């Protein structure tokens, strides 16, 4: 293999011993990769199970031209794991697969060639199909995209900045140059960990890449299958999940807005969040407490409304100020 591979598959994982084998088997069976070099890096994000032993077992019998590597990231949080993956990666492109994202047999090839063909793409996302352990409840399609399900047709799609919409990190490929040039060394959002419900660290990262002038794309030919266990459809998981998304929103909303314009944007977002809450209450009334999807949506709207106050109270704006000083 070349000293510097063309493509890196980075797998951030936390306690992934039961999920990693299927993913590694699928990566061993990738096709159409003869024309370029690539590597796999498992980023162990402070696991307490046998994740390291699972990788070591695979390494011992690995007989492929593309290497399987392992590294350990002690700081808990998806943002830290992805950052470690970027710094360990040698590839021009870095494809992130969570340990519950199982790629189609041509995913690596489709990912590499898309980046070569779209030179302005700083990042591009997969088509993500759900693999439900149990059938989701009625109307769940309204909130399914928040669970990293992305089925937006069979043609490449450009995420335009004015649409204020970005893809999830599952199956996301980042041009290494775009990350190194655009993403601050310290992000505000670091991912869900014990005692910290904030999420959307992937959207913060993509917002910086987009702000720097890189394009963000959806590539439907990169297909992955997201394993969704039954517990992720339960109220006990979903309500805190949507609360975390909402409380994180001020950060992702403001990345692309100049500091002088943020007070006006804050007012506009506040009024819009209030409008959504009132309309939601008017439409669903008592169902916002009893019906799961309506309750999740209400939690998202309420948490989005209080997001800037929550972040200010918990000191997150200090990190934002540091990032602005670093960039300027």
C-alpha atoms as a PDB file:
ATOM      1  CA  UNK A   1       0.000   0.000   0.000  1.00  0.00           C
ATOM      2  CA  UNK A   2       1.102   3.572  -0.639  1.00  0.00           C
ATOM      3  CA  UNK A   3       2.706   5.444   2.253  1.00  0.00           C
ATOM      4  CA  UNK A   4      -0.319   7.734   2.381  1.00  0.00           C
ATOM      5  CA  UNK A   5      -3.617   6.017   1.551  1.00  0.00           C
ATOM      6  CA  UNK A   6      -6.266   7.772  -0.501  1.00  0.00           C
ATOM      7  CA  UNK A   7      -9.130   7.026   1.861  1.00  0.00           C
ATOM      8  CA  UNK A   8      -9.585   6.367   5.585  1.00  0.00           C
ATOM      9  CA  UNK A   9     -12.546   4.677   7.236  1.00  0.00           C
ATOM     10  CA  UNK A  10     -12.723   5.967  10.825  1.00  0.00           C
ATOM     11  CA  UNK A  11     -14.955   4.096  13.272  1.00  0.00           C
ATOM     12  CA  UNK A  12     -15.655   5.965  16.531  1.00  0.00           C
ATOM     13  CA  UNK A  13     -16.963   3.424  19.035  1.00  0.00           C
ATOM     14  CA  UNK A  14     -17.939   3.257  22.672  1.00  0.00           C
ATOM     15  CA  UNK A  15     -18.474  -0.234  24.106  1.00  0.00           C
ATOM     16  CA  UNK A  16     -18.886  -1.614  20.607  1.00  0.00           C
ATOM     17  CA  UNK A  17     -17.692  -5.191  21.138  1.00  0.00           C
ATOM     18  CA  UNK A  18     -21.041  -6.669  20.042  1.00  0.00           C
ATOM     19  CA  UNK A  19     -21.524  -4.353  17.049  1.00  0.00           C
ATOM     20  CA  UNK A  20     -18.004  -4.063  15.624  1.00  0.00           C
ATOM     21  CA  UNK A  21     -17.666  -7.603  14.203  1.00  0.00           C
ATOM     22  CA  UNK A  22     -20.494  -7.155  11.690  1.00  0.00           C
ATOM     23  CA  UNK A  23     -19.090  -3.796  10.593  1.00  0.00           C
ATOM     24  CA  UNK A  24     -15.540  -5.151  10.209  1.00  0.00           C
ATOM     25  CA  UNK A  25     -16.842  -8.139   8.239  1.00  0.00           C
ATOM     26  CA  UNK A  26     -18.610  -5.802   5.839  1.00  0.00           C
ATOM     27  CA  UNK A  27     -15.475  -3.716   5.424  1.00  0.00           C
ATOM     28  CA  UNK A  28     -13.514  -6.864   4.620  1.00  0.00           C
ATOM     29  CA  UNK A  29     -15.963  -7.547   1.789  1.00  0.00           C
ATOM     30  CA  UNK A  30     -15.819  -4.163   0.068  1.00  0.00           C
ATOM     31  CA  UNK A  31     -15.642  -4.309  -3.723  1.00  0.00           C
ATOM     32  CA  UNK A  32     -14.256  -2.063  -6.502  1.00  0.00           C
ATOM     33  CA  UNK A  33     -11.424  -0.708  -4.319  1.00  0.00           C
ATOM     34  CA  UNK A  34      -8.546  -1.987  -6.446  1.00  0.00           C
ATOM     35  CA  UNK A  35      -7.861   1.426  -7.995  1.00  0.00           C
ATOM     36  CA  UNK A  36      -6.960   3.250  -4.786  1.00  0.00           C
ATOM     37  CA  UNK A  37      -5.454   2.604  -1.352  1.00  0.00           C
ATOM     38  CA  UNK A  38      -7.316   2.831   1.915  1.00  0.00           C
ATOM     39  CA  UNK A  39      -7.169   2.056   5.635  1.00  0.00           C
ATOM     40  CA  UNK A  40      -9.461   1.394   8.592  1.00  0.00           C
ATOM     41  CA  UNK A  41      -9.006   3.019  12.009  1.00  0.00           C
ATOM     42  CA  UNK A  42     -11.097   2.008  15.030  1.00  0.00           C
ATOM     43  CA  UNK A  43     -11.231   4.902  17.498  1.00  0.00           C
ATOM     44  CA  UNK A  44     -11.988   3.439  20.925  1.00  0.00           C
ATOM     45  CA  UNK A  45     -13.726   6.265  22.818  1.00  0.00           C
ATOM     46  CA  UNK A  46     -12.905   5.175  26.372  1.00  0.00           C
ATOM     47  CA  UNK A  47     -14.745   1.847  26.180  1.00  0.00           C
ATOM     48  CA  UNK A  48     -15.098  -0.264  29.297  1.00  0.00           C
ATOM     49  CA  UNK A  49     -15.897  -3.542  27.503  1.00  0.00           C
ATOM     50  CA  UNK A  50     -13.793  -5.794  25.254  1.00  0.00           C
ATOM     51  CA  UNK A  51     -13.705  -3.450  22.251  1.00  0.00           C
ATOM     52  CA  UNK A  52      -9.889  -3.410  22.175  1.00  0.00           C
ATOM     53  CA  UNK A  53      -9.709  -7.215  22.369  1.00  0.00           C
ATOM     54  CA  UNK A  54     -12.177  -7.577  19.489  1.00  0.00           C
ATOM     55  CA  UNK A  55     -10.029  -5.353  17.258  1.00  0.00           C
ATOM     56  CA  UNK A  56      -6.849  -7.151  18.303  1.00  0.00           C
ATOM     57  CA  UNK A  57      -8.411 -10.500  17.358  1.00  0.00           C
ATOM     58  CA  UNK A  58      -9.228  -9.196  13.881  1.00  0.00           C
ATOM     59  CA  UNK A  59      -5.767  -7.679  13.497  1.00  0.00           C
ATOM     60  CA  UNK A  60      -4.139 -11.022  14.308  1.00  0.00           C
ATOM     61  CA  UNK A  61      -5.728 -12.722  11.288  1.00  0.00           C
ATOM     62  CA  UNK A  62      -5.977  -9.679   8.982  1.00  0.00           C
ATOM     63  CA  UNK A  63      -4.921 -10.553   5.441  1.00  0.00           C
ATOM     64  CA  UNK A  64      -5.898  -7.545   3.356  1.00  0.00           C
ATOM     65  CA  UNK A  65      -3.875  -4.877   1.541  1.00  0.00           C
ATOM     66  CA  UNK A  66      -5.646  -2.178   3.558  1.00  0.00           C
ATOM     67  CA  UNK A  67      -4.568  -2.107   7.226  1.00  0.00           C
ATOM     68  CA  UNK A  68      -6.799  -2.286  10.304  1.00  0.00           C
ATOM     69  CA  UNK A  69      -5.540   0.133  12.958  1.00  0.00           C
ATOM     70  CA  UNK A  70      -6.606   0.885  16.527  1.00  0.00           C
ATOM     71  CA  UNK A  71      -6.297   4.003  18.660  1.00  0.00           C
ATOM     72  CA  UNK A  72      -7.685   5.057  22.034  1.00  0.00           C
ATOM     73  CA  UNK A  73      -9.354   8.378  22.842  1.00  0.00           C
ATOM     74  CA  UNK A  74      -9.777   8.840  26.620  1.00  0.00           C
ATOM     75  CA  UNK A  75     -11.980  11.966  26.414  1.00  0.00           C
ATOM     76  CA  UNK A  76     -15.593  10.840  26.267  1.00  0.00           C
ATOM     77  CA  UNK A  77     -17.687  12.308  23.465  1.00  0.00           C
ATOM     78  CA  UNK A  78     -18.197  11.804  19.755  1.00  0.00           C
ATOM     79  CA  UNK A  79     -16.476  15.097  18.874  1.00  0.00           C
ATOM     80  CA  UNK A  80     -13.277  13.971  20.619  1.00  0.00           C
ATOM     81  CA  UNK A  81     -13.408  10.573  18.910  1.00  0.00           C
ATOM     82  CA  UNK A  82     -13.837  12.091  15.440  1.00  0.00           C
ATOM     83  CA  UNK A  83     -11.071  14.589  16.080  1.00  0.00           C
ATOM     84  CA  UNK A  84      -8.764  11.736  17.092  1.00  0.00           C
ATOM     85  CA  UNK A  85      -9.765   9.891  13.929  1.00  0.00           C
ATOM     86  CA  UNK A  86      -8.905  12.902  11.776  1.00  0.00           C
ATOM     87  CA  UNK A  87      -5.476  13.292  13.345  1.00  0.00           C
ATOM     88  CA  UNK A  88      -4.717   9.572  13.050  1.00  0.00           C
ATOM     89  CA  UNK A  89      -5.990   9.343   9.468  1.00  0.00           C
ATOM     90  CA  UNK A  90      -3.632   9.468   6.513  1.00  0.00           C
ATOM     91  CA  UNK A  91      -6.287   9.521   3.806  1.00  0.00           C
ATOM     92  CA  UNK A  92      -7.298  12.471   1.661  1.00  0.00           C
ATOM     93  CA  UNK A  93     -10.894  11.609   2.581  1.00  0.00           C
ATOM     94  CA  UNK A  94     -12.132  10.349   5.956  1.00  0.00           C
ATOM     95  CA  UNK A  95     -15.334   8.326   6.018  1.00  0.00           C
ATOM     96  CA  UNK A  96     -16.980   8.070   9.439  1.00  0.00           C
ATOM     97  CA  UNK A  97     -18.968   4.945  10.235  1.00  0.00           C
ATOM     98  CA  UNK A  98     -20.516   4.497  13.672  1.00  0.00           C
ATOM     99  CA  UNK A  99     -20.364   0.952  14.980  1.00  0.00           C
ATOM    100  CA  UNK A 100     -24.069   0.490  14.197  1.00  0.00           C
ATOM    101  CA  UNK A 101     -23.726   1.720  10.574  1.00  0.00           C
ATOM    102  CA  UNK A 102     -23.388  -1.229   8.213  1.00  0.00           C
ATOM    103  CA  UNK A 103     -22.260  -0.164   4.712  1.00  0.00           C
ATOM    104  CA  UNK A 104     -23.244  -1.620   1.361  1.00  0.00           C
ATOM    105  CA  UNK A 105     -20.486  -3.607  -0.352  1.00  0.00           C
ATOM    106  CA  UNK A 106     -19.456  -0.691  -2.597  1.00  0.00           C
ATOM    107  CA  UNK A 107     -19.632   2.065   0.044  1.00  0.00           C
ATOM    108  CA  UNK A 108     -15.889   2.734   0.246  1.00  0.00           C
ATOM    109  CA  UNK A 109     -15.525   2.881  -3.554  1.00  0.00           C
ATOM    110  CA  UNK A 110     -18.553   5.154  -4.007  1.00  0.00           C
ATOM    111  CA  UNK A 111     -17.276   7.388  -1.208  1.00  0.00           C
ATOM    112  CA  UNK A 112     -13.791   7.741  -2.656  1.00  0.00           C
ATOM    113  CA  UNK A 113     -14.830   8.420  -6.241  1.00  0.00           C
ATOM    114  CA  UNK A 114     -17.484  10.964  -5.246  1.00  0.00           C
ATOM    115  CA  UNK A 115     -14.830  13.036  -3.479  1.00  0.00           C
ATOM    116  CA  UNK A 116     -12.566  12.834  -6.513  1.00  0.00           C
ATOM    117  CA  UNK A 117     -15.389  13.954  -8.819  1.00  0.00           C
ATOM    118  CA  UNK A 118     -16.674  16.775  -6.580  1.00  0.00           C
ATOM    119  CA  UNK A 119     -13.562  18.778  -5.804  1.00  0.00           C
ATOM    120  CA  UNK A 120     -15.450  21.535  -3.964  1.00  0.00           C
ATOM    121  CA  UNK A 121     -17.102  19.065  -1.584  1.00  0.00           C
ATOM    122  CA  UNK A 122     -15.748  19.537   1.931  1.00  0.00           C
ATOM    123  CA  UNK A 123     -18.063  16.819   3.218  1.00  0.00           C
ATOM    124  CA  UNK A 124     -20.713  14.531   1.792  1.00  0.00           C
ATOM    125  CA  UNK A 125     -23.296  12.274   3.355  1.00  0.00           C
ATOM    126  CA  UNK A 126     -24.615   8.782   2.781  1.00  0.00           C
ATOM    127  CA  UNK A 127     -28.116   7.588   2.070  1.00  0.00           C
ATOM    128  CA  UNK A 128     -29.066   6.018   5.407  1.00  0.00           C
ATOM    129  CA  UNK A 129     -31.714   3.309   5.614  1.00  0.00           C
ATOM    130  CA  UNK A 130     -33.173   2.239   8.973  1.00  0.00           C
ATOM    131  CA  UNK A 131     -33.003  -1.333  10.168  1.00  0.00           C
ATOM    132  CA  UNK A 132     -35.653  -1.300  12.903  1.00  0.00           C
ATOM    133  CA  UNK A 133     -35.553  -3.978  15.582  1.00  0.00           C
ATOM    134  CA  UNK A 134     -39.264  -3.288  16.085  1.00  0.00           C
ATOM    135  CA  UNK A 135     -41.698  -1.296  13.970  1.00  0.00           C
ATOM    136  CA  UNK A 136     -41.735   2.391  14.925  1.00  0.00           C
ATOM    137  CA  UNK A 137     -44.950   3.958  16.224  1.00  0.00           C
ATOM    138  CA  UNK A 138     -47.468   5.752  14.034  1.00  0.00           C
ATOM    139  CA  UNK A 139     -46.312   9.038  12.453  1.00  0.00           C
ATOM    140  CA  UNK A 140     -42.710   8.329  13.435  1.00  0.00           C
ATOM    141  CA  UNK A 141     -41.531   9.431   9.987  1.00  0.00           C
ATOM    142  CA  UNK A 142     -42.000  13.031  11.193  1.00  0.00           C
ATOM    143  CA  UNK A 143     -39.042  12.693  13.550  1.00  0.00           C
ATOM    144  CA  UNK A 144     -37.144   9.790  11.939  1.00  0.00           C
ATOM    145  CA  UNK A 145     -34.478  12.060  10.328  1.00  0.00           C
ATOM    146  CA  UNK A 146     -33.280  12.988  13.821  1.00  0.00           C
ATOM    147  CA  UNK A 147     -32.262   9.340  14.284  1.00  0.00           C
ATOM    148  CA  UNK A 148     -29.796   9.644  11.396  1.00  0.00           C
ATOM    149  CA  UNK A 149     -32.152   8.341   8.709  1.00  0.00           C
ATOM    150  CA  UNK A 150     -31.532  10.091   5.396  1.00  0.00           C
ATOM    151  CA  UNK A 151     -33.411   8.976   2.304  1.00  0.00           C
ATOM    152  CA  UNK A 152     -33.522  12.031   0.041  1.00  0.00           C
ATOM    153  CA  UNK A 153     -33.865  10.455  -3.365  1.00  0.00           C
ATOM    154  CA  UNK A 154     -31.445   8.883  -5.818  1.00  0.00           C
ATOM    155  CA  UNK A 155     -29.679  11.969  -7.178  1.00  0.00           C
ATOM    156  CA  UNK A 156     -26.781  13.891  -5.591  1.00  0.00           C
ATOM    157  CA  UNK A 157     -28.067  16.871  -3.630  1.00  0.00           C
ATOM    158  CA  UNK A 158     -26.249  20.040  -2.549  1.00  0.00           C
ATOM    159  CA  UNK A 159     -27.029  21.306   0.950  1.00  0.00           C
ATOM    160  CA  UNK A 160     -27.383  25.051   0.374  1.00  0.00           C
ATOM    161  CA  UNK A 161     -26.407  27.293   3.308  1.00  0.00           C
ATOM    162  CA  UNK A 162     -29.649  29.298   3.130  1.00  0.00           C
ATOM    163  CA  UNK A 163     -31.701  26.131   3.705  1.00  0.00           C
ATOM    164  CA  UNK A 164     -30.226  25.751   7.215  1.00  0.00           C
ATOM    165  CA  UNK A 165     -30.197  21.978   6.849  1.00  0.00           C
ATOM    166  CA  UNK A 166     -27.223  19.637   7.237  1.00  0.00           C
ATOM    167  CA  UNK A 167     -26.840  15.844   7.233  1.00  0.00           C
ATOM    168  CA  UNK A 168     -25.945  13.620  10.218  1.00  0.00           C
ATOM    169  CA  UNK A 169     -22.445  12.264  10.800  1.00  0.00           C
ATOM    170  CA  UNK A 170     -23.386   8.607  10.264  1.00  0.00           C
ATOM    171  CA  UNK A 171     -21.780   7.584   6.969  1.00  0.00           C
ATOM    172  CA  UNK A 172     -20.359  11.086   6.492  1.00  0.00           C
ATOM    173  CA  UNK A 173     -17.164  11.599   4.482  1.00  0.00           C
ATOM    174  CA  UNK A 174     -15.008  14.655   5.193  1.00  0.00           C
ATOM    175  CA  UNK A 175     -12.207  15.979   3.014  1.00  0.00           C
ATOM    176  CA  UNK A 176      -9.283  16.069   5.442  1.00  0.00           C
ATOM    177  CA  UNK A 177      -8.094  19.414   4.093  1.00  0.00           C
ATOM    178  CA  UNK A 178     -11.526  20.969   4.704  1.00  0.00           C
ATOM    179  CA  UNK A 179     -11.585  19.771   8.313  1.00  0.00           C
ATOM    180  CA  UNK A 180      -8.056  20.966   9.100  1.00  0.00           C
ATOM    181  CA  UNK A 181      -8.671  24.380   7.521  1.00  0.00           C
ATOM    182  CA  UNK A 182     -12.157  25.008   8.924  1.00  0.00           C
ATOM    183  CA  UNK A 183     -12.947  23.211  12.184  1.00  0.00           C
ATOM    184  CA  UNK A 184     -11.709  24.835  15.436  1.00  0.00           C
ATOM    185  CA  UNK A 185      -9.412  22.731  17.560  1.00  0.00           C
ATOM    186  CA  UNK A 186     -11.923  23.000  20.411  1.00  0.00           C
ATOM    187  CA  UNK A 187     -15.607  22.640  19.653  1.00  0.00           C
ATOM    188  CA  UNK A 188     -18.378  23.852  21.926  1.00  0.00           C
ATOM    189  CA  UNK A 189     -20.499  20.724  21.536  1.00  0.00           C
ATOM    190  CA  UNK A 190     -18.739  17.448  22.291  1.00  0.00           C
ATOM    191  CA  UNK A 191     -21.517  14.838  22.144  1.00  0.00           C
ATOM    192  CA  UNK A 192     -23.705  13.088  24.696  1.00  0.00           C
ATOM    193  CA  UNK A 193     -21.920  11.727  27.747  1.00  0.00           C
ATOM    194  CA  UNK A 194     -22.995  11.033  31.316  1.00  0.00           C
ATOM    195  CA  UNK A 195     -24.084  14.320  32.856  1.00  0.00           C
ATOM    196  CA  UNK A 196     -24.112  16.228  29.549  1.00  0.00           C
ATOM    197  CA  UNK A 197     -27.158  15.928  27.315  1.00  0.00           C
ATOM    198  CA  UNK A 198     -25.954  18.291  24.581  1.00  0.00           C
ATOM    199  CA  UNK A 199     -25.609  16.784  21.120  1.00  0.00           C
ATOM    200  CA  UNK A 200     -25.381  18.077  17.496  1.00  0.00           C
ATOM    201  CA  UNK A 201     -21.563  18.155  17.609  1.00  0.00           C
ATOM    202  CA  UNK A 202     -21.616  16.846  14.028  1.00  0.00           C
ATOM    203  CA  UNK A 203     -23.731  19.787  12.843  1.00  0.00           C
ATOM    204  CA  UNK A 204     -21.366  22.252  14.522  1.00  0.00           C
ATOM    205  CA  UNK A 205     -18.428  20.691  12.671  1.00  0.00           C
ATOM    206  CA  UNK A 206     -20.251  20.744   9.321  1.00  0.00           C
ATOM    207  CA  UNK A 207     -21.352  24.357   9.876  1.00  0.00           C
ATOM    208  CA  UNK A 208     -17.727  25.449  10.174  1.00  0.00           C
ATOM    209  CA  UNK A 209     -16.810  23.581   6.981  1.00  0.00           C
ATOM    210  CA  UNK A 210     -19.724  25.146   5.121  1.00  0.00           C
ATOM    211  CA  UNK A 211     -18.943  28.604   6.529  1.00  0.00           C
ATOM    212  CA  UNK A 212     -15.404  28.316   5.124  1.00  0.00           C
ATOM    213  CA  UNK A 213     -16.844  27.992   1.608  1.00  0.00           C
ATOM    214  CA  UNK A 214     -16.784  24.231   1.131  1.00  0.00           C
ATOM    215  CA  UNK A 215     -19.805  22.476  -0.325  1.00  0.00           C
ATOM    216  CA  UNK A 216     -21.791  19.859   1.619  1.00  0.00           C
ATOM    217  CA  UNK A 217     -23.403  17.115  -0.486  1.00  0.00           C
ATOM    218  CA  UNK A 218     -25.711  14.108  -0.226  1.00  0.00           C
ATOM    219  CA  UNK A 219     -24.475  11.123  -2.212  1.00  0.00           C
ATOM    220  CA  UNK A 220     -27.247   8.497  -2.518  1.00  0.00           C
ATOM    221  CA  UNK A 221     -24.838   5.918  -3.990  1.00  0.00           C
ATOM    222  CA  UNK A 222     -23.143   5.647  -0.582  1.00  0.00           C
ATOM    223  CA  UNK A 223     -25.694   3.461   1.189  1.00  0.00           C
ATOM    224  CA  UNK A 224     -25.556   2.356   4.816  1.00  0.00           C
ATOM    225  CA  UNK A 225     -27.998   0.542   7.078  1.00  0.00           C
ATOM    226  CA  UNK A 226     -28.474   2.055  10.530  1.00  0.00           C
ATOM    227  CA  UNK A 227     -29.307  -0.488  13.233  1.00  0.00           C
ATOM    228  CA  UNK A 228     -31.996   0.962  15.533  1.00  0.00           C
ATOM    229  CA  UNK A 229     -32.736  -1.128  18.624  1.00  0.00           C
ATOM    230  CA  UNK A 230     -36.118  -1.064  20.332  1.00  0.00           C
ATOM    231  CA  UNK A 231     -34.887   1.037  23.265  1.00  0.00           C
ATOM    232  CA  UNK A 232     -34.215   3.962  20.925  1.00  0.00           C
ATOM    233  CA  UNK A 233     -37.941   4.121  20.199  1.00  0.00           C
ATOM    234  CA  UNK A 234     -38.955   4.346  23.830  1.00  0.00           C
ATOM    235  CA  UNK A 235     -40.120   7.526  25.500  1.00  0.00           C
ATOM    236  CA  UNK A 236     -37.416   7.255  28.195  1.00  0.00           C
ATOM    237  CA  UNK A 237     -34.745   7.616  25.501  1.00  0.00           C
ATOM    238  CA  UNK A 238     -36.458   9.921  23.010  1.00  0.00           C
ATOM    239  CA  UNK A 239     -37.564  12.789  25.280  1.00  0.00           C
ATOM    240  CA  UNK A 240     -34.045  13.440  26.701  1.00  0.00           C
ATOM    241  CA  UNK A 241     -32.661  12.896  23.185  1.00  0.00           C
ATOM    242  CA  UNK A 242     -34.804  15.673  21.716  1.00  0.00           C
ATOM    243  CA  UNK A 243     -34.130  17.874  24.738  1.00  0.00           C
ATOM    244  CA  UNK A 244     -30.414  17.594  24.003  1.00  0.00           C
ATOM    245  CA  UNK A 245     -30.882  18.469  20.336  1.00  0.00           C
ATOM    246  CA  UNK A 246     -32.949  21.525  21.244  1.00  0.00           C
ATOM    247  CA  UNK A 247     -30.589  22.777  23.953  1.00  0.00           C
ATOM    248  CA  UNK A 248     -27.702  22.575  21.475  1.00  0.00           C
ATOM    249  CA  UNK A 249     -29.423  24.555  18.762  1.00  0.00           C
ATOM    250  CA  UNK A 250     -28.177  28.044  19.557  1.00  0.00           C
ATOM    251  CA  UNK A 251     -24.630  26.912  18.751  1.00  0.00           C
ATOM    252  CA  UNK A 252     -25.458  25.373  15.378  1.00  0.00           C
ATOM    253  CA  UNK A 253     -27.781  28.237  14.468  1.00  0.00           C
ATOM    254  CA  UNK A 254     -25.163  30.920  15.098  1.00  0.00           C
ATOM    255  CA  UNK A 255     -22.001  29.433  13.542  1.00  0.00           C
ATOM    256  CA  UNK A 256     -22.721  30.945  10.122  1.00  0.00           C
ATOM    257  CA  UNK A 257     -24.019  34.273  11.459  1.00  0.00           C
ATOM    258  CA  UNK A 258     -21.605  37.164  11.985  1.00  0.00           C
ATOM    259  CA  UNK A 259     -21.309  38.270  15.640  1.00  0.00           C
ATOM    260  CA  UNK A 260     -22.798  41.698  14.942  1.00  0.00           C
ATOM    261  CA  UNK A 261     -25.957  40.118  13.479  1.00  0.00           C
ATOM    262  CA  UNK A 262     -26.509  37.578  16.252  1.00  0.00           C
ATOM    263  CA  UNK A 263     -28.787  39.719  18.480  1.00  0.00           C
ATOM    264  CA  UNK A 264     -31.211  40.131  15.565  1.00  0.00           C
ATOM    265  CA  UNK A 265     -30.963  36.451  14.697  1.00  0.00           C
ATOM    266  CA  UNK A 266     -31.553  35.563  18.355  1.00  0.00           C
ATOM    267  CA  UNK A 267     -34.764  37.620  18.325  1.00  0.00           C
ATOM    268  CA  UNK A 268     -35.943  36.072  15.050  1.00  0.00           C
ATOM    269  CA  UNK A 269     -35.273  32.520  16.259  1.00  0.00           C
ATOM    270  CA  UNK A 270     -36.974  33.211  19.600  1.00  0.00           C
ATOM    271  CA  UNK A 271     -40.135  34.498  17.904  1.00  0.00           C
ATOM    272  CA  UNK A 272     -40.133  31.548  15.496  1.00  0.00           C
ATOM    273  CA  UNK A 273     -39.716  29.035  18.331  1.00  0.00           C
ATOM    274  CA  UNK A 274     -42.627  30.652  20.198  1.00  0.00           C
ATOM    275  CA  UNK A 275     -44.720  30.477  17.024  1.00  0.00           C
ATOM    276  CA  UNK A 276     -43.953  26.761  16.629  1.00  0.00           C
ATOM    277  CA  UNK A 277     -44.871  26.059  20.258  1.00  0.00           C
ATOM    278  CA  UNK A 278     -48.202  27.887  19.992  1.00  0.00           C
ATOM    279  CA  UNK A 279     -49.120  26.212  16.698  1.00  0.00           C
ATOM    280  CA  UNK A 280     -48.127  22.802  18.058  1.00  0.00           C
ATOM    281  CA  UNK A 281     -50.273  23.274  21.170  1.00  0.00           C
ATOM    282  CA  UNK A 282     -53.188  24.465  19.050  1.00  0.00           C
ATOM    283  CA  UNK A 283     -52.896  21.483  16.682  1.00  0.00           C
ATOM    284  CA  UNK A 284     -52.287  18.651  19.154  1.00  0.00           C
ATOM    285  CA  UNK A 285     -53.611  20.043  22.476  1.00  0.00           C
ATOM    286  CA  UNK A 286     -53.378  17.329  25.152  1.00  0.00           C
ATOM    287  CA  UNK A 287     -51.690  14.928  22.709  1.00  0.00           C
ATOM    288  CA  UNK A 288     -48.412  16.792  23.307  1.00  0.00           C
ATOM    289  CA  UNK A 289     -48.260  14.850  26.570  1.00  0.00           C
ATOM    290  CA  UNK A 290     -49.688  11.501  25.530  1.00  0.00           C
ATOM    291  CA  UNK A 291     -48.689  10.952  21.882  1.00  0.00           C
ATOM    292  CA  UNK A 292     -44.962  10.112  21.516  1.00  0.00           C
ATOM    293  CA  UNK A 293     -44.132  11.940  18.282  1.00  0.00           C
ATOM    294  CA  UNK A 294     -46.031  15.096  19.281  1.00  0.00           C
ATOM    295  CA  UNK A 295     -44.317  15.008  22.695  1.00  0.00           C
ATOM    296  CA  UNK A 296     -40.874  14.725  21.070  1.00  0.00           C
ATOM    297  CA  UNK A 297     -41.614  17.658  18.771  1.00  0.00           C
ATOM    298  CA  UNK A 298     -42.829  19.790  21.673  1.00  0.00           C
ATOM    299  CA  UNK A 299     -39.697  18.937  23.653  1.00  0.00           C
ATOM    300  CA  UNK A 300     -37.571  20.003  20.676  1.00  0.00           C
ATOM    301  CA  UNK A 301     -39.398  23.343  20.293  1.00  0.00           C
ATOM    302  CA  UNK A 302     -39.281  24.152  24.016  1.00  0.00           C
ATOM    303  CA  UNK A 303     -35.601  23.230  24.350  1.00  0.00           C
ATOM    304  CA  UNK A 304     -34.705  25.233  21.238  1.00  0.00           C
ATOM    305  CA  UNK A 305     -36.386  28.257  22.809  1.00  0.00           C
ATOM    306  CA  UNK A 306     -34.377  28.047  26.030  1.00  0.00           C
ATOM    307  CA  UNK A 307     -31.131  26.945  24.330  1.00  0.00           C
ATOM    308  CA  UNK A 308     -29.260  30.298  24.523  1.00  0.00           C
ATOM    309  CA  UNK A 309     -30.228  30.758  28.183  1.00  0.00           C
ATOM    310  CA  UNK A 310     -29.191  27.201  29.067  1.00  0.00           C
ATOM    311  CA  UNK A 311     -25.841  27.598  27.300  1.00  0.00           C
ATOM    312  CA  UNK A 312     -25.195  30.976  28.933  1.00  0.00           C
ATOM    313  CA  UNK A 313     -26.043  29.629  32.396  1.00  0.00           C
ATOM    314  CA  UNK A 314     -23.721  26.650  31.936  1.00  0.00           C
ATOM    315  CA  UNK A 315     -20.760  28.640  30.617  1.00  0.00           C
ATOM    316  CA  UNK A 316     -20.724  27.440  27.005  1.00  0.00           C
ATOM    317  CA  UNK A 317     -20.418  30.955  25.602  1.00  0.00           C
ATOM    318  CA  UNK A 318     -16.962  31.211  27.184  1.00  0.00           C
ATOM    319  CA  UNK A 319     -15.864  28.379  24.853  1.00  0.00           C
ATOM    320  CA  UNK A 320     -17.470  30.162  21.908  1.00  0.00           C
ATOM    321  CA  UNK A 321     -15.557  33.351  22.706  1.00  0.00           C
ATOM    322  CA  UNK A 322     -12.300  31.405  22.867  1.00  0.00           C
ATOM    323  CA  UNK A 323     -13.008  29.876  19.445  1.00  0.00           C
ATOM    324  CA  UNK A 324     -13.662  33.301  17.922  1.00  0.00           C
ATOM    325  CA  UNK A 325     -10.370  34.594  19.362  1.00  0.00           C
ATOM    326  CA  UNK A 326      -8.532  31.581  17.927  1.00  0.00           C
ATOM    327  CA  UNK A 327     -10.049  32.080  14.444  1.00  0.00           C
ATOM    328  CA  UNK A 328      -9.238  35.787  14.400  1.00  0.00           C
END
